[in-house]
Amino acid sequence: MLTRTASTFAPPVMEARRWLAGVTFPADRPLINVSQAAPVEPPPKRCGRQWQT
C-alpha cells in the first residue's frame, strides 16, 4: 500500500458504523441505515412491509 494511502482516514460511513458496534436496538425501533453510500445491508424486513404501498 502506498504511504499516502495508508495515512488517510477511515471513510465516514464505515467509521459511523463502528460507533454502533455492540449496540442493540429494540425490535419496535430498529436502526435504519439511510446513508447515501453503498448500502452494506438491506433495511429490516419489518420496515419494508410497513413502507409498501
N, C-alpha and C. Protein backbone atom coordinates (compact mmCIF):
# COMPACT_ATOMS: atom_id res chain seq x y z
N MET A 1 0.85 -1.17 0.00
CA MET A 1 0.00 0.00 0.00
C MET A 1 0.90 1.24 0.00
N LEU A 2 0.50 2.22 -0.76
CA LEU A 2 1.26 3.46 -0.81
C LEU A 2 1.18 4.19 0.53
N THR A 3 2.25 4.85 0.88
CA THR A 3 2.30 5.57 2.15
C THR A 3 1.19 6.61 2.24
N ARG A 4 0.96 7.35 1.16
CA ARG A 4 -0.07 8.39 1.22
C ARG A 4 -1.47 7.77 1.37
N THR A 5 -1.67 6.58 0.84
CA THR A 5 -2.96 5.91 1.00
C THR A 5 -3.13 5.41 2.43
N ALA A 6 -2.08 4.86 2.99
CA ALA A 6 -2.14 4.34 4.36
C ALA A 6 -2.36 5.45 5.38
N SER A 7 -1.99 6.68 5.04
CA SER A 7 -2.11 7.77 6.01
C SER A 7 -3.46 8.48 5.96
N THR A 8 -4.38 8.03 5.11
CA THR A 8 -5.70 8.67 5.05
C THR A 8 -6.59 8.17 6.19
N PHE A 9 -7.70 8.82 6.38
CA PHE A 9 -8.62 8.44 7.46
C PHE A 9 -9.68 7.47 6.94
N ALA A 10 -10.35 6.82 7.87
CA ALA A 10 -11.40 5.86 7.52
C ALA A 10 -12.57 6.58 6.85
N PRO A 11 -13.26 5.93 5.91
CA PRO A 11 -14.44 6.55 5.29
C PRO A 11 -15.48 6.87 6.38
N PRO A 12 -16.12 8.03 6.30
CA PRO A 12 -17.06 8.44 7.35
C PRO A 12 -18.19 7.45 7.62
N VAL A 13 -18.76 6.86 6.58
CA VAL A 13 -19.87 5.93 6.79
C VAL A 13 -19.41 4.70 7.57
N MET A 14 -18.28 4.16 7.20
CA MET A 14 -17.79 2.98 7.90
C MET A 14 -17.35 3.33 9.32
N GLU A 15 -16.81 4.52 9.52
CA GLU A 15 -16.44 4.96 10.86
C GLU A 15 -17.69 5.07 11.74
N ALA A 16 -18.76 5.62 11.21
CA ALA A 16 -20.01 5.74 11.97
C ALA A 16 -20.56 4.36 12.32
N ARG A 17 -20.42 3.39 11.41
CA ARG A 17 -20.89 2.03 11.71
C ARG A 17 -20.10 1.44 12.87
N ARG A 18 -18.84 1.77 12.98
CA ARG A 18 -18.03 1.27 14.11
C ARG A 18 -18.54 1.83 15.43
N TRP A 19 -19.09 3.05 15.44
CA TRP A 19 -19.63 3.62 16.67
C TRP A 19 -20.76 2.76 17.21
N LEU A 20 -21.46 2.07 16.31
CA LEU A 20 -22.62 1.27 16.71
C LEU A 20 -22.30 -0.19 17.02
N ALA A 21 -21.04 -0.56 16.89
CA ALA A 21 -20.65 -1.95 17.16
C ALA A 21 -21.05 -2.33 18.58
N GLY A 22 -21.80 -3.40 18.71
CA GLY A 22 -22.22 -3.89 20.02
C GLY A 22 -23.48 -3.22 20.57
N VAL A 23 -24.02 -2.23 19.88
CA VAL A 23 -25.23 -1.55 20.33
C VAL A 23 -26.43 -2.32 19.79
N THR A 24 -27.42 -2.53 20.63
CA THR A 24 -28.64 -3.20 20.18
C THR A 24 -29.80 -2.21 20.24
N PHE A 25 -30.75 -2.42 19.36
CA PHE A 25 -31.93 -1.56 19.29
C PHE A 25 -33.17 -2.41 19.49
N PRO A 26 -34.21 -1.86 20.12
CA PRO A 26 -35.44 -2.64 20.33
C PRO A 26 -36.06 -3.04 18.99
N ALA A 27 -36.74 -4.17 18.98
CA ALA A 27 -37.35 -4.68 17.74
C ALA A 27 -38.36 -3.69 17.16
N ASP A 28 -39.02 -2.94 18.02
CA ASP A 28 -40.02 -1.99 17.51
C ASP A 28 -39.40 -0.66 17.06
N ARG A 29 -38.08 -0.49 17.26
CA ARG A 29 -37.38 0.72 16.83
C ARG A 29 -36.02 0.36 16.26
N PRO A 30 -35.96 -0.38 15.16
CA PRO A 30 -34.68 -0.79 14.61
C PRO A 30 -33.92 0.38 14.01
N LEU A 31 -32.63 0.27 13.99
CA LEU A 31 -31.80 1.28 13.33
C LEU A 31 -31.93 1.07 11.83
N ILE A 32 -32.19 2.14 11.11
CA ILE A 32 -32.32 2.06 9.66
C ILE A 32 -31.14 2.79 9.05
N ASN A 33 -30.42 2.13 8.17
CA ASN A 33 -29.27 2.71 7.51
C ASN A 33 -29.77 3.59 6.35
N VAL A 34 -29.65 4.89 6.50
CA VAL A 34 -30.11 5.80 5.46
C VAL A 34 -28.94 6.53 4.78
N SER A 35 -27.75 5.97 4.91
CA SER A 35 -26.60 6.61 4.28
C SER A 35 -26.74 6.58 2.77
N GLN A 36 -26.14 7.54 2.12
CA GLN A 36 -26.19 7.63 0.68
C GLN A 36 -25.05 6.85 0.03
N ALA A 37 -24.18 6.29 0.84
CA ALA A 37 -23.10 5.47 0.31
C ALA A 37 -23.66 4.10 -0.07
N ALA A 38 -22.84 3.27 -0.64
CA ALA A 38 -23.27 1.92 -0.99
C ALA A 38 -23.75 1.21 0.26
N PRO A 39 -25.00 0.73 0.27
CA PRO A 39 -25.51 0.07 1.48
C PRO A 39 -24.76 -1.23 1.76
N VAL A 40 -24.59 -1.51 3.03
CA VAL A 40 -23.91 -2.74 3.42
C VAL A 40 -24.89 -3.82 3.83
N GLU A 41 -26.16 -3.45 4.01
CA GLU A 41 -27.19 -4.44 4.33
C GLU A 41 -28.55 -3.85 3.99
N PRO A 42 -29.53 -4.69 3.69
CA PRO A 42 -30.87 -4.20 3.37
C PRO A 42 -31.58 -3.70 4.62
N PRO A 43 -32.63 -2.90 4.47
CA PRO A 43 -33.39 -2.46 5.65
C PRO A 43 -34.07 -3.65 6.31
N PRO A 44 -34.41 -3.54 7.59
CA PRO A 44 -35.10 -4.64 8.26
C PRO A 44 -36.39 -5.00 7.52
N LYS A 45 -36.71 -6.29 7.46
CA LYS A 45 -37.91 -6.74 6.75
C LYS A 45 -39.17 -6.08 7.31
N ARG A 46 -39.21 -5.90 8.61
CA ARG A 46 -40.39 -5.29 9.23
C ARG A 46 -40.63 -3.90 8.67
N CYS A 47 -39.58 -3.13 8.45
CA CYS A 47 -39.73 -1.78 7.90
C CYS A 47 -40.18 -1.85 6.46
N GLY A 48 -39.65 -2.80 5.71
CA GLY A 48 -40.04 -2.93 4.31
C GLY A 48 -41.51 -3.15 4.15
N ARG A 49 -42.10 -3.97 5.00
CA ARG A 49 -43.54 -4.24 4.93
C ARG A 49 -44.34 -2.99 5.27
N GLN A 50 -43.87 -2.21 6.21
CA GLN A 50 -44.60 -1.00 6.61
C GLN A 50 -44.58 0.03 5.49
N TRP A 51 -43.53 0.07 4.69
CA TRP A 51 -43.41 1.10 3.66
C TRP A 51 -44.00 0.70 2.33
N GLN A 52 -44.42 -0.54 2.19
CA GLN A 52 -45.01 -0.96 0.92
C GLN A 52 -46.34 -0.26 0.71
N THR A 53 -46.61 0.11 -0.54
CA THR A 53 -47.90 0.76 -0.82
C THR A 53 -48.74 -0.11 -1.71
